[in-house]
Amino acid sequence: MAEKLNLTSLKPAQSRQDRKRIGRGIGSGKGRYSGRGIKGQKSRAGSHKMRAGFEGGQMPIYMRLGKLRGATSKDAMPIGPFRTSTAPINVGSLDRFDDGAEVTPESLVEKGLLKNTKTDVKLLGNGELKKKLTIRVHAISATAREKVEQAGGTVSLLKEPKLKKKKKHSKAKPETVAPEAEAPETPAAAATEAPAEPEAADQAEEQAPEEE
């Protein structure tokens, strides 16, 4: 017969585990330092709220290691979100397609030439192409484009190529005009030379009586 339910017979459906009671005297087993040890950073209040990657103040590992340089892109995997990458496909491996077929990233995955469509596809010119194909990829080299067009195929890019910025050339400085060899006489210079004329007249008068 089932026991009658009342306040005296209430008990939990599953026995619970008693929580750890710390700081209740040395005899309790978790007294004195309450499991935190003696001194140090982790014995203080709020010491377990350190941010991810914090190494106690020393130079963290993400600053000690070298970084990958290059263009940035959010979906540039598998290298990482700070470097772009492309999946290379050579024209020589396109013989798996039938003549007149359309080559896209999805069809490359079906043929086993590409793992997935997460990474941009670039067609390179290694190998020979003898089939007329309609190719739609993200980028293509000049050699690959030439071989596809020689076989009678067409190429269209899924991404517009980025134009390189032209370097600004500094304007040539105008040539300086050389100063004239002889500067024109100024009125002040002419005034300083004028008094010499009366002296010549006086000398002529002194010489005239002596000749008589």
N, C-alpha and C. Protein backbone atom coordinates (compact mmCIF):
# COMPACT_ATOMS: atom_id res chain seq x y z
N MET A 1 0.85 -1.19 0.00
CA MET A 1 0.00 0.00 0.00
C MET A 1 0.88 1.24 0.00
N ALA A 2 0.56 2.21 -0.90
CA ALA A 2 1.37 3.41 -1.02
C ALA A 2 1.23 4.26 0.22
N GLU A 3 2.34 4.86 0.58
CA GLU A 3 2.34 5.71 1.76
C GLU A 3 1.53 6.97 1.49
N LYS A 4 0.78 7.38 2.44
CA LYS A 4 -0.04 8.56 2.28
C LYS A 4 0.84 9.80 2.28
N LEU A 5 0.55 10.69 1.35
CA LEU A 5 1.36 11.90 1.21
C LEU A 5 0.90 12.94 2.21
N ASN A 6 1.82 13.38 3.05
CA ASN A 6 1.55 14.49 3.97
C ASN A 6 2.84 15.25 4.22
N LEU A 7 2.79 16.27 5.03
CA LEU A 7 3.95 17.12 5.26
C LEU A 7 5.11 16.37 5.92
N THR A 8 4.81 15.36 6.68
CA THR A 8 5.87 14.62 7.37
C THR A 8 6.55 13.60 6.48
N SER A 9 5.87 13.22 5.37
CA SER A 9 6.44 12.21 4.48
C SER A 9 7.03 12.80 3.19
N LEU A 10 7.09 14.12 3.11
CA LEU A 10 7.65 14.75 1.90
C LEU A 10 9.16 14.54 1.84
N LYS A 11 9.67 14.19 0.70
CA LYS A 11 11.10 14.04 0.47
C LYS A 11 11.38 14.21 -1.03
N PRO A 12 12.58 14.63 -1.38
CA PRO A 12 12.88 14.84 -2.81
C PRO A 12 12.89 13.53 -3.58
N ALA A 13 12.51 13.64 -4.89
CA ALA A 13 12.49 12.44 -5.72
C ALA A 13 13.89 11.90 -5.94
N GLN A 14 14.90 12.77 -5.89
CA GLN A 14 16.29 12.35 -6.10
C GLN A 14 17.14 13.00 -5.02
N SER A 15 17.98 12.24 -4.40
CA SER A 15 18.81 12.80 -3.33
C SER A 15 19.80 13.80 -3.93
N ARG A 16 19.93 14.94 -3.28
CA ARG A 16 20.83 15.97 -3.79
C ARG A 16 22.17 15.89 -3.06
N GLN A 17 23.19 16.46 -3.69
CA GLN A 17 24.53 16.45 -3.11
C GLN A 17 24.72 17.74 -2.32
N ASP A 18 25.17 17.60 -1.13
CA ASP A 18 25.37 18.77 -0.29
C ASP A 18 26.47 19.65 -0.90
N ARG A 19 26.23 20.96 -0.86
CA ARG A 19 27.21 21.88 -1.43
C ARG A 19 28.43 21.97 -0.52
N LYS A 20 29.52 22.40 -1.08
CA LYS A 20 30.77 22.53 -0.33
C LYS A 20 30.68 23.77 0.56
N ARG A 21 30.83 23.58 1.85
CA ARG A 21 30.77 24.69 2.80
C ARG A 21 32.20 25.07 3.19
N ILE A 22 32.62 26.23 2.72
CA ILE A 22 34.00 26.66 2.94
C ILE A 22 34.02 27.76 3.99
N GLY A 23 35.17 27.90 4.63
CA GLY A 23 35.32 28.97 5.62
C GLY A 23 34.53 28.74 6.87
N ARG A 24 34.38 27.50 7.28
CA ARG A 24 33.63 27.19 8.50
C ARG A 24 34.54 26.60 9.58
N GLY A 25 35.75 27.16 9.67
CA GLY A 25 36.68 26.71 10.69
C GLY A 25 37.69 25.72 10.13
N ILE A 26 38.84 25.65 10.80
CA ILE A 26 39.92 24.80 10.33
C ILE A 26 39.52 23.33 10.38
N GLY A 27 38.73 22.95 11.34
CA GLY A 27 38.33 21.56 11.48
C GLY A 27 37.35 21.10 10.41
N SER A 28 36.78 22.03 9.65
CA SER A 28 35.80 21.64 8.61
C SER A 28 36.46 21.05 7.38
N GLY A 29 37.76 21.23 7.25
CA GLY A 29 38.46 20.74 6.06
C GLY A 29 38.61 21.77 4.97
N LYS A 30 37.80 22.82 5.00
CA LYS A 30 37.92 23.91 4.03
C LYS A 30 37.91 25.24 4.76
N GLY A 31 38.70 25.32 5.80
CA GLY A 31 38.77 26.55 6.57
C GLY A 31 40.05 27.31 6.30
N ARG A 32 40.31 28.27 7.09
CA ARG A 32 41.50 29.13 7.03
C ARG A 32 41.59 29.88 5.70
N TYR A 33 42.04 29.24 4.62
CA TYR A 33 42.18 29.95 3.33
C TYR A 33 41.04 29.60 2.35
N SER A 34 40.14 28.73 2.76
CA SER A 34 38.94 28.42 1.97
C SER A 34 39.26 27.89 0.58
N GLY A 35 40.35 27.16 0.43
CA GLY A 35 40.68 26.55 -0.84
C GLY A 35 41.36 27.47 -1.83
N ARG A 36 41.72 28.70 -1.43
CA ARG A 36 42.33 29.67 -2.36
C ARG A 36 43.85 29.74 -2.23
N GLY A 37 44.42 29.05 -1.28
CA GLY A 37 45.86 29.12 -1.10
C GLY A 37 46.25 30.36 -0.33
N ILE A 38 47.56 30.61 -0.26
CA ILE A 38 48.08 31.75 0.49
C ILE A 38 48.48 32.85 -0.47
N LYS A 39 47.84 33.97 -0.38
CA LYS A 39 48.15 35.18 -1.15
C LYS A 39 48.11 34.92 -2.67
N GLY A 40 48.56 35.86 -3.41
CA GLY A 40 48.57 35.73 -4.86
C GLY A 40 47.32 36.31 -5.50
N GLN A 41 47.36 36.43 -6.84
CA GLN A 41 46.26 37.06 -7.57
C GLN A 41 44.96 36.29 -7.42
N LYS A 42 45.03 34.96 -7.49
CA LYS A 42 43.80 34.17 -7.48
C LYS A 42 43.22 33.96 -6.09
N SER A 43 43.86 34.53 -5.07
CA SER A 43 43.28 34.48 -3.73
C SER A 43 42.42 35.71 -3.46
N ARG A 44 42.43 36.67 -4.38
CA ARG A 44 41.68 37.92 -4.18
C ARG A 44 40.28 37.82 -4.76
N ALA A 45 39.44 38.71 -4.31
CA ALA A 45 38.07 38.75 -4.83
C ALA A 45 38.09 39.27 -6.26
N GLY A 46 37.27 38.67 -7.13
CA GLY A 46 37.19 39.09 -8.54
C GLY A 46 38.34 38.63 -9.39
N SER A 47 39.19 37.71 -8.86
CA SER A 47 40.36 37.29 -9.62
C SER A 47 40.01 36.33 -10.74
N HIS A 48 38.81 35.74 -10.75
CA HIS A 48 38.43 34.78 -11.78
C HIS A 48 37.62 35.42 -12.89
N LYS A 49 37.68 36.74 -12.99
CA LYS A 49 36.98 37.46 -14.05
C LYS A 49 37.95 38.03 -15.07
N MET A 50 39.07 37.35 -15.28
CA MET A 50 40.06 37.82 -16.25
C MET A 50 39.57 37.55 -17.66
N ARG A 51 39.91 38.43 -18.57
CA ARG A 51 39.49 38.27 -19.96
C ARG A 51 40.24 37.12 -20.61
N ALA A 52 39.69 36.63 -21.71
CA ALA A 52 40.33 35.53 -22.44
C ALA A 52 41.66 36.00 -23.03
N GLY A 53 42.69 35.20 -22.86
CA GLY A 53 44.01 35.54 -23.39
C GLY A 53 44.88 36.32 -22.43
N PHE A 54 44.36 36.63 -21.23
CA PHE A 54 45.16 37.38 -20.25
C PHE A 54 46.19 36.45 -19.62
N GLU A 55 47.46 36.89 -19.58
CA GLU A 55 48.54 36.06 -19.06
C GLU A 55 49.23 36.71 -17.88
N GLY A 56 48.45 37.35 -17.03
CA GLY A 56 49.03 37.90 -15.82
C GLY A 56 49.82 39.17 -16.03
N GLY A 57 49.70 39.78 -17.17
CA GLY A 57 50.42 41.03 -17.44
C GLY A 57 51.60 40.86 -18.37
N GLN A 58 52.08 39.63 -18.56
CA GLN A 58 53.19 39.44 -19.49
C GLN A 58 52.69 39.55 -20.93
N MET A 59 53.61 39.65 -21.87
CA MET A 59 53.24 39.79 -23.27
C MET A 59 52.48 38.55 -23.73
N PRO A 60 51.21 38.69 -24.12
CA PRO A 60 50.41 37.51 -24.49
C PRO A 60 50.91 36.88 -25.78
N ILE A 61 50.53 35.62 -25.98
CA ILE A 61 51.07 34.86 -27.11
C ILE A 61 50.61 35.42 -28.44
N TYR A 62 49.40 36.00 -28.51
CA TYR A 62 48.93 36.53 -29.79
C TYR A 62 49.68 37.79 -30.19
N MET A 63 50.44 38.38 -29.27
CA MET A 63 51.28 39.52 -29.62
C MET A 63 52.73 39.10 -29.83
N ARG A 64 53.11 37.94 -29.28
CA ARG A 64 54.49 37.47 -29.45
C ARG A 64 54.69 36.79 -30.81
N LEU A 65 53.63 36.21 -31.37
CA LEU A 65 53.77 35.49 -32.63
C LEU A 65 53.64 36.44 -33.81
N GLY A 66 54.20 36.03 -34.95
CA GLY A 66 54.11 36.83 -36.16
C GLY A 66 52.70 36.79 -36.74
N LYS A 67 52.37 37.78 -37.52
CA LYS A 67 51.03 37.89 -38.10
C LYS A 67 51.10 37.61 -39.61
N LEU A 68 49.99 37.14 -40.14
CA LEU A 68 49.88 36.94 -41.58
C LEU A 68 49.55 38.26 -42.24
N ARG A 69 50.39 38.69 -43.14
CA ARG A 69 50.18 39.97 -43.81
C ARG A 69 49.38 39.74 -45.09
N GLY A 70 48.80 40.76 -45.57
CA GLY A 70 48.08 40.65 -46.83
C GLY A 70 46.71 41.28 -46.76
N ALA A 71 45.95 41.12 -47.85
CA ALA A 71 44.63 41.71 -47.93
C ALA A 71 43.69 41.05 -46.94
N THR A 72 42.66 41.78 -46.53
CA THR A 72 41.74 41.27 -45.53
C THR A 72 40.42 40.87 -46.18
N SER A 73 39.83 39.83 -45.65
CA SER A 73 38.55 39.36 -46.14
C SER A 73 37.90 38.51 -45.07
N LYS A 74 36.58 38.68 -44.85
CA LYS A 74 35.90 37.94 -43.79
C LYS A 74 35.78 36.46 -44.15
N ASP A 75 35.61 36.14 -45.45
CA ASP A 75 35.38 34.76 -45.85
C ASP A 75 36.60 34.14 -46.51
N ALA A 76 37.79 34.64 -46.15
CA ALA A 76 39.01 34.13 -46.78
C ALA A 76 39.51 32.91 -46.01
N MET A 77 38.80 31.83 -46.10
CA MET A 77 39.19 30.59 -45.43
C MET A 77 39.85 29.66 -46.46
N PRO A 78 40.70 28.72 -46.08
CA PRO A 78 40.97 28.31 -44.71
C PRO A 78 42.10 29.05 -44.05
N ILE A 79 42.72 30.00 -44.73
CA ILE A 79 43.89 30.66 -44.15
C ILE A 79 43.47 31.52 -42.96
N GLY A 80 42.36 32.17 -43.04
CA GLY A 80 41.91 32.97 -41.91
C GLY A 80 41.20 34.23 -42.36
N PRO A 81 40.63 34.94 -41.43
CA PRO A 81 39.86 36.13 -41.79
C PRO A 81 40.71 37.34 -42.14
N PHE A 82 42.04 37.19 -42.17
CA PHE A 82 42.89 38.33 -42.47
C PHE A 82 43.79 38.06 -43.67
N ARG A 83 43.39 37.12 -44.52
CA ARG A 83 44.20 36.84 -45.70
C ARG A 83 43.31 36.22 -46.76
N THR A 84 43.42 36.69 -47.98
CA THR A 84 42.60 36.16 -49.06
C THR A 84 43.30 34.96 -49.69
N SER A 85 42.52 34.05 -50.25
CA SER A 85 43.08 32.88 -50.91
C SER A 85 42.13 32.45 -52.02
N THR A 86 42.66 31.73 -52.99
CA THR A 86 41.86 31.20 -54.09
C THR A 86 42.21 29.74 -54.30
N ALA A 87 41.27 29.00 -54.84
CA ALA A 87 41.50 27.60 -55.16
C ALA A 87 41.97 27.51 -56.61
N PRO A 88 43.21 27.07 -56.86
CA PRO A 88 43.71 27.05 -58.23
C PRO A 88 43.20 25.82 -58.99
N ILE A 89 42.75 26.05 -60.23
CA ILE A 89 42.33 24.98 -61.13
C ILE A 89 43.03 25.21 -62.46
N ASN A 90 43.75 24.21 -62.97
CA ASN A 90 44.45 24.34 -64.24
C ASN A 90 43.54 23.93 -65.40
N VAL A 91 43.81 24.53 -66.57
CA VAL A 91 42.99 24.23 -67.74
C VAL A 91 43.17 22.78 -68.18
N GLY A 92 44.31 22.18 -67.85
CA GLY A 92 44.54 20.79 -68.24
C GLY A 92 43.62 19.81 -67.54
N SER A 93 43.06 20.20 -66.39
CA SER A 93 42.17 19.30 -65.66
C SER A 93 40.71 19.44 -66.08
N LEU A 94 40.44 20.30 -67.07
CA LEU A 94 39.06 20.48 -67.52
C LEU A 94 38.65 19.49 -68.61
N ASP A 95 39.50 18.50 -68.88
CA ASP A 95 39.15 17.47 -69.87
C ASP A 95 38.02 16.58 -69.38
N ARG A 96 37.71 16.62 -68.09
CA ARG A 96 36.60 15.81 -67.56
C ARG A 96 35.24 16.29 -68.06
N PHE A 97 35.19 17.55 -68.52
CA PHE A 97 33.93 18.11 -68.99
C PHE A 97 33.71 17.75 -70.46
N ASP A 98 32.46 17.63 -70.83
CA ASP A 98 32.12 17.37 -72.23
C ASP A 98 32.27 18.64 -73.05
N ASP A 99 32.41 18.45 -74.35
CA ASP A 99 32.55 19.60 -75.24
C ASP A 99 31.27 20.44 -75.22
N GLY A 100 31.42 21.77 -75.00
CA GLY A 100 30.27 22.66 -74.93
C GLY A 100 29.66 22.79 -73.56
N ALA A 101 30.25 22.17 -72.54
CA ALA A 101 29.70 22.21 -71.18
C ALA A 101 30.02 23.56 -70.53
N GLU A 102 29.30 23.85 -69.46
CA GLU A 102 29.50 25.08 -68.69
C GLU A 102 30.26 24.74 -67.42
N VAL A 103 31.37 25.44 -67.20
CA VAL A 103 32.22 25.20 -66.04
C VAL A 103 31.95 26.28 -65.00
N THR A 104 31.44 25.88 -63.85
CA THR A 104 31.16 26.77 -62.73
C THR A 104 31.75 26.16 -61.46
N PRO A 105 31.84 26.93 -60.37
CA PRO A 105 32.32 26.34 -59.12
C PRO A 105 31.48 25.13 -58.67
N GLU A 106 30.17 25.16 -58.92
CA GLU A 106 29.32 24.03 -58.54
C GLU A 106 29.63 22.79 -59.37
N SER A 107 29.85 22.99 -60.67
CA SER A 107 30.17 21.84 -61.52
C SER A 107 31.56 21.29 -61.23
N LEU A 108 32.47 22.15 -60.79
CA LEU A 108 33.80 21.68 -60.41
C LEU A 108 33.73 20.79 -59.17
N VAL A 109 32.81 21.11 -58.24
CA VAL A 109 32.62 20.27 -57.07
C VAL A 109 32.04 18.91 -57.48
N GLU A 110 31.11 18.92 -58.42
CA GLU A 110 30.52 17.65 -58.88
C GLU A 110 31.55 16.75 -59.54
N LYS A 111 32.50 17.35 -60.27
CA LYS A 111 33.53 16.56 -60.95
C LYS A 111 34.67 16.17 -60.02
N GLY A 112 34.67 16.65 -58.79
CA GLY A 112 35.71 16.29 -57.84
C GLY A 112 36.97 17.14 -57.97
N LEU A 113 36.93 18.23 -58.72
CA LEU A 113 38.10 19.10 -58.86
C LEU A 113 38.17 20.15 -57.76
N LEU A 114 37.08 20.36 -57.06
CA LEU A 114 37.02 21.38 -56.03
C LEU A 114 36.32 20.79 -54.81
N LYS A 115 36.80 21.14 -53.63
CA LYS A 115 36.23 20.57 -52.40
C LYS A 115 34.88 21.19 -52.08
N ASN A 116 34.81 22.51 -52.10
CA ASN A 116 33.56 23.21 -51.84
C ASN A 116 33.60 24.57 -52.52
N THR A 117 32.52 25.29 -52.41
CA THR A 117 32.41 26.59 -53.09
C THR A 117 32.64 27.76 -52.14
N LYS A 118 33.24 27.50 -50.96
CA LYS A 118 33.48 28.58 -50.01
C LYS A 118 34.63 29.49 -50.46
N THR A 119 35.56 28.92 -51.23
CA THR A 119 36.74 29.67 -51.66
C THR A 119 36.61 30.04 -53.13
N ASP A 120 37.09 31.23 -53.48
CA ASP A 120 37.04 31.67 -54.87
C ASP A 120 37.92 30.78 -55.74
N VAL A 121 37.52 30.63 -57.00
CA VAL A 121 38.22 29.76 -57.95
C VAL A 121 38.99 30.63 -58.94
N LYS A 122 40.25 30.28 -59.15
CA LYS A 122 41.07 30.95 -60.15
C LYS A 122 41.58 29.91 -61.15
N LEU A 123 41.36 30.18 -62.42
CA LEU A 123 41.79 29.26 -63.48
C LEU A 123 43.18 29.64 -63.94
N LEU A 124 44.09 28.66 -63.93
CA LEU A 124 45.48 28.87 -64.32
C LEU A 124 45.75 28.16 -65.64
N GLY A 125 46.84 28.51 -66.30
CA GLY A 125 47.10 28.06 -67.66
C GLY A 125 48.00 26.86 -67.81
N ASN A 126 48.15 26.03 -66.79
CA ASN A 126 49.01 24.85 -66.89
C ASN A 126 48.25 23.72 -67.59
N GLY A 127 48.81 23.18 -68.65
CA GLY A 127 48.17 22.09 -69.38
C GLY A 127 47.59 22.56 -70.70
N GLU A 128 46.95 21.65 -71.41
CA GLU A 128 46.37 21.94 -72.71
C GLU A 128 44.85 21.77 -72.65
N LEU A 129 44.15 22.58 -73.42
CA LEU A 129 42.69 22.53 -73.47
C LEU A 129 42.27 22.39 -74.93
N LYS A 130 41.51 21.35 -75.22
CA LYS A 130 41.08 21.09 -76.59
C LYS A 130 39.57 21.05 -76.74
N LYS A 131 38.84 21.47 -75.70
CA LYS A 131 37.39 21.44 -75.74
C LYS A 131 36.83 22.85 -75.63
N LYS A 132 35.72 23.07 -76.29
CA LYS A 132 35.05 24.37 -76.26
C LYS A 132 34.17 24.42 -75.02
N LEU A 133 34.53 25.29 -74.07
CA LEU A 133 33.83 25.35 -72.79
C LEU A 133 33.40 26.78 -72.48
N THR A 134 32.31 26.88 -71.74
CA THR A 134 31.85 28.17 -71.21
C THR A 134 32.22 28.22 -69.74
N ILE A 135 33.17 29.06 -69.41
CA ILE A 135 33.77 29.05 -68.07
C ILE A 135 33.32 30.27 -67.29
N ARG A 136 32.85 30.01 -66.06
CA ARG A 136 32.46 31.08 -65.15
C ARG A 136 33.20 30.87 -63.82
N VAL A 137 34.25 31.64 -63.61
CA VAL A 137 35.06 31.54 -62.39
C VAL A 137 35.26 32.94 -61.82
N HIS A 138 35.92 32.99 -60.67
CA HIS A 138 36.12 34.28 -60.01
C HIS A 138 37.31 35.04 -60.58
N ALA A 139 38.35 34.31 -61.02
CA ALA A 139 39.54 34.97 -61.57
C ALA A 139 40.20 34.02 -62.56
N ILE A 140 41.00 34.59 -63.45
CA ILE A 140 41.67 33.79 -64.48
C ILE A 140 42.97 34.48 -64.86
N SER A 141 43.98 33.67 -65.15
CA SER A 141 45.26 34.22 -65.57
C SER A 141 45.22 34.53 -67.07
N ALA A 142 46.18 35.33 -67.52
CA ALA A 142 46.22 35.72 -68.93
C ALA A 142 46.49 34.50 -69.83
N THR A 143 47.35 33.58 -69.39
CA THR A 143 47.66 32.38 -70.17
C THR A 143 46.44 31.48 -70.30
N ALA A 144 45.69 31.32 -69.20
CA ALA A 144 44.50 30.48 -69.23
C ALA A 144 43.43 31.08 -70.13
N ARG A 145 43.26 32.38 -70.08
CA ARG A 145 42.27 33.03 -70.95
C ARG A 145 42.62 32.83 -72.42
N GLU A 146 43.90 32.93 -72.73
CA GLU A 146 44.33 32.76 -74.12
C GLU A 146 44.05 31.33 -74.60
N LYS A 147 44.31 30.32 -73.76
CA LYS A 147 44.09 28.94 -74.17
C LYS A 147 42.60 28.62 -74.31
N VAL A 148 41.77 29.20 -73.45
CA VAL A 148 40.33 28.96 -73.55
C VAL A 148 39.77 29.58 -74.82
N GLU A 149 40.21 30.78 -75.15
CA GLU A 149 39.72 31.44 -76.36
C GLU A 149 40.25 30.77 -77.62
N GLN A 150 41.46 30.22 -77.59
CA GLN A 150 41.98 29.49 -78.75
C GLN A 150 41.18 28.22 -79.02
N ALA A 151 40.66 27.60 -77.96
CA ALA A 151 39.84 26.40 -78.12
C ALA A 151 38.40 26.72 -78.51
N GLY A 152 38.07 28.02 -78.61
CA GLY A 152 36.73 28.43 -79.00
C GLY A 152 35.79 28.67 -77.85
N GLY A 153 36.27 28.65 -76.62
CA GLY A 153 35.42 28.84 -75.46
C GLY A 153 35.32 30.31 -75.06
N THR A 154 34.51 30.57 -74.05
CA THR A 154 34.32 31.92 -73.54
C THR A 154 34.54 31.93 -72.04
N VAL A 155 34.92 33.10 -71.52
CA VAL A 155 35.21 33.26 -70.09
C VAL A 155 34.43 34.45 -69.57
N SER A 156 33.78 34.28 -68.43
CA SER A 156 33.12 35.39 -67.73
C SER A 156 33.46 35.28 -66.26
N LEU A 157 33.78 36.41 -65.64
CA LEU A 157 34.23 36.44 -64.26
C LEU A 157 33.05 36.68 -63.32
N LEU A 158 33.03 35.95 -62.22
CA LEU A 158 31.99 36.12 -61.21
C LEU A 158 32.26 37.30 -60.30
N LYS A 159 33.51 37.78 -60.30
CA LYS A 159 33.88 38.96 -59.53
C LYS A 159 34.62 39.92 -60.45
N GLU A 160 34.31 41.19 -60.31
CA GLU A 160 35.02 42.18 -61.11
C GLU A 160 36.45 42.32 -60.60
N PRO A 161 37.43 42.31 -61.50
CA PRO A 161 38.83 42.45 -61.05
C PRO A 161 39.07 43.84 -60.48
N LYS A 162 39.86 43.88 -59.42
CA LYS A 162 40.17 45.16 -58.80
C LYS A 162 41.27 45.87 -59.59
N LEU A 163 41.03 47.13 -59.88
CA LEU A 163 42.00 47.91 -60.63
C LEU A 163 43.07 48.43 -59.68
N LYS A 164 44.31 48.34 -60.12
CA LYS A 164 45.40 48.83 -59.31
C LYS A 164 45.44 50.36 -59.37
N LYS A 165 45.72 50.95 -58.21
CA LYS A 165 45.79 52.40 -58.15
C LYS A 165 47.06 52.90 -58.85
N LYS A 166 46.88 53.94 -59.66
CA LYS A 166 48.03 54.51 -60.35
C LYS A 166 48.83 55.39 -59.39
N LYS A 167 50.13 55.29 -59.53
CA LYS A 167 50.99 56.11 -58.69
C LYS A 167 50.98 57.54 -59.18
N LYS A 168 50.88 58.47 -58.24
CA LYS A 168 50.88 59.88 -58.59
C LYS A 168 52.30 60.35 -58.84
N HIS A 169 52.51 60.91 -60.05
CA HIS A 169 53.83 61.44 -60.39
C HIS A 169 53.91 62.90 -59.98
N SER A 170 55.01 63.27 -59.34
CA SER A 170 55.17 64.65 -58.92
C SER A 170 55.45 65.54 -60.13
N LYS A 171 54.84 66.70 -60.13
CA LYS A 171 55.03 67.64 -61.24
C LYS A 171 56.45 68.17 -61.25
N ALA A 172 57.00 68.33 -62.49
CA ALA A 172 58.36 68.84 -62.63
C ALA A 172 58.40 70.31 -62.24
N LYS A 173 59.43 70.68 -61.51
CA LYS A 173 59.57 72.07 -61.08
C LYS A 173 59.95 72.95 -62.27
N PRO A 174 59.39 74.16 -62.39
CA PRO A 174 59.75 75.06 -63.51
C PRO A 174 61.21 75.49 -63.42
N GLU A 175 61.85 75.61 -64.59
CA GLU A 175 63.25 76.00 -64.62
C GLU A 175 63.41 77.46 -64.19
N THR A 176 64.44 77.72 -63.39
CA THR A 176 64.68 79.07 -62.91
C THR A 176 65.37 79.88 -64.00
N VAL A 177 64.90 81.10 -64.20
CA VAL A 177 65.48 81.98 -65.22
C VAL A 177 66.76 82.58 -64.69
N ALA A 178 67.85 82.50 -65.49
CA ALA A 178 69.15 83.03 -65.06
C ALA A 178 69.09 84.55 -65.02
N PRO A 179 69.67 85.19 -64.02
CA PRO A 179 69.66 86.67 -63.95
C PRO A 179 70.50 87.27 -65.07
N GLU A 180 70.12 88.48 -65.50
CA GLU A 180 70.84 89.16 -66.60
C GLU A 180 72.26 89.51 -66.17
N ALA A 181 73.17 89.48 -67.16
CA ALA A 181 74.59 89.71 -66.85
C ALA A 181 74.83 91.14 -66.37
N GLU A 182 74.23 92.11 -67.08
CA GLU A 182 74.42 93.51 -66.70
C GLU A 182 73.08 94.10 -66.33
N ALA A 183 72.96 94.57 -65.11
CA ALA A 183 71.72 95.18 -64.66
C ALA A 183 71.66 96.61 -65.15
N PRO A 184 70.47 97.14 -65.49
CA PRO A 184 70.36 98.54 -65.95
C PRO A 184 70.75 99.50 -64.84
N GLU A 185 71.31 100.63 -65.25
CA GLU A 185 71.75 101.62 -64.27
C GLU A 185 70.56 102.25 -63.58
N THR A 186 70.69 102.41 -62.31
CA THR A 186 69.64 103.03 -61.52
C THR A 186 69.85 104.53 -61.49
N PRO A 187 68.83 105.33 -61.21
CA PRO A 187 69.02 106.80 -61.12
C PRO A 187 70.02 107.19 -60.06
N ALA A 188 70.13 106.43 -58.96
CA ALA A 188 71.09 106.78 -57.90
C ALA A 188 72.52 106.64 -58.39
N ALA A 189 72.79 105.59 -59.21
CA ALA A 189 74.14 105.40 -59.72
C ALA A 189 74.51 106.51 -60.70
N ALA A 190 73.54 106.94 -61.50
CA ALA A 190 73.82 108.03 -62.45
C ALA A 190 74.12 109.31 -61.72
N ALA A 191 73.49 109.55 -60.58
CA ALA A 191 73.70 110.79 -59.82
C ALA A 191 75.10 110.82 -59.23
N THR A 192 75.67 109.70 -58.84
CA THR A 192 77.02 109.67 -58.26
C THR A 192 78.09 109.94 -59.32
N GLU A 193 77.83 109.58 -60.58
CA GLU A 193 78.82 109.81 -61.62
C GLU A 193 78.74 111.22 -62.22
N ALA A 194 77.70 111.95 -62.00
CA ALA A 194 77.51 113.29 -62.61
C ALA A 194 78.55 114.31 -62.18
N PRO A 195 79.00 114.46 -60.94
CA PRO A 195 79.95 115.52 -60.54
C PRO A 195 81.31 115.42 -61.21
N ALA A 196 81.63 114.36 -61.91
CA ALA A 196 82.95 114.25 -62.54
C ALA A 196 83.11 115.22 -63.69
N GLU A 197 82.06 115.72 -64.33
CA GLU A 197 82.15 116.61 -65.50
C GLU A 197 82.74 117.98 -65.15
N PRO A 198 82.38 118.70 -64.05
CA PRO A 198 83.00 120.00 -63.74
C PRO A 198 84.50 119.91 -63.51
N GLU A 199 84.99 118.85 -62.94
CA GLU A 199 86.43 118.71 -62.71
C GLU A 199 87.20 118.71 -64.03
N ALA A 200 86.67 118.06 -65.04
CA ALA A 200 87.35 118.03 -66.34
C ALA A 200 87.38 119.43 -66.96
N ALA A 201 86.36 120.25 -66.75
CA ALA A 201 86.32 121.62 -67.29
C ALA A 201 87.36 122.50 -66.62
N ASP A 202 87.56 122.36 -65.30
CA ASP A 202 88.56 123.15 -64.59
C ASP A 202 89.97 122.83 -65.06
N GLN A 203 90.25 121.60 -65.32
CA GLN A 203 91.58 121.23 -65.80
C GLN A 203 91.85 121.83 -67.18
N ALA A 204 90.85 121.92 -68.01
CA ALA A 204 91.03 122.51 -69.35
C ALA A 204 91.33 124.00 -69.24
N GLU A 205 90.73 124.74 -68.29
CA GLU A 205 90.98 126.17 -68.11
C GLU A 205 92.38 126.42 -67.60
N GLU A 206 92.89 125.54 -66.71
CA GLU A 206 94.24 125.72 -66.17
C GLU A 206 95.30 125.51 -67.24
N GLN A 207 95.07 124.59 -68.18
CA GLN A 207 96.04 124.33 -69.21
C GLN A 207 96.06 125.41 -70.28
N ALA A 208 95.01 126.14 -70.46
CA ALA A 208 94.95 127.16 -71.54
C ALA A 208 95.92 128.31 -71.32
N PRO A 209 96.08 128.97 -70.15
CA PRO A 209 97.03 130.09 -69.98
C PRO A 209 98.48 129.63 -70.12
N GLU A 210 98.78 128.44 -69.74
CA GLU A 210 100.17 128.00 -69.83
C GLU A 210 100.64 127.92 -71.28
N GLU A 211 99.75 127.60 -72.19
CA GLU A 211 100.14 127.50 -73.59
C GLU A 211 100.42 128.86 -74.18
N GLU A 212 99.75 129.93 -73.69
CA GLU A 212 100.01 131.28 -74.18
C GLU A 212 101.41 131.72 -73.77
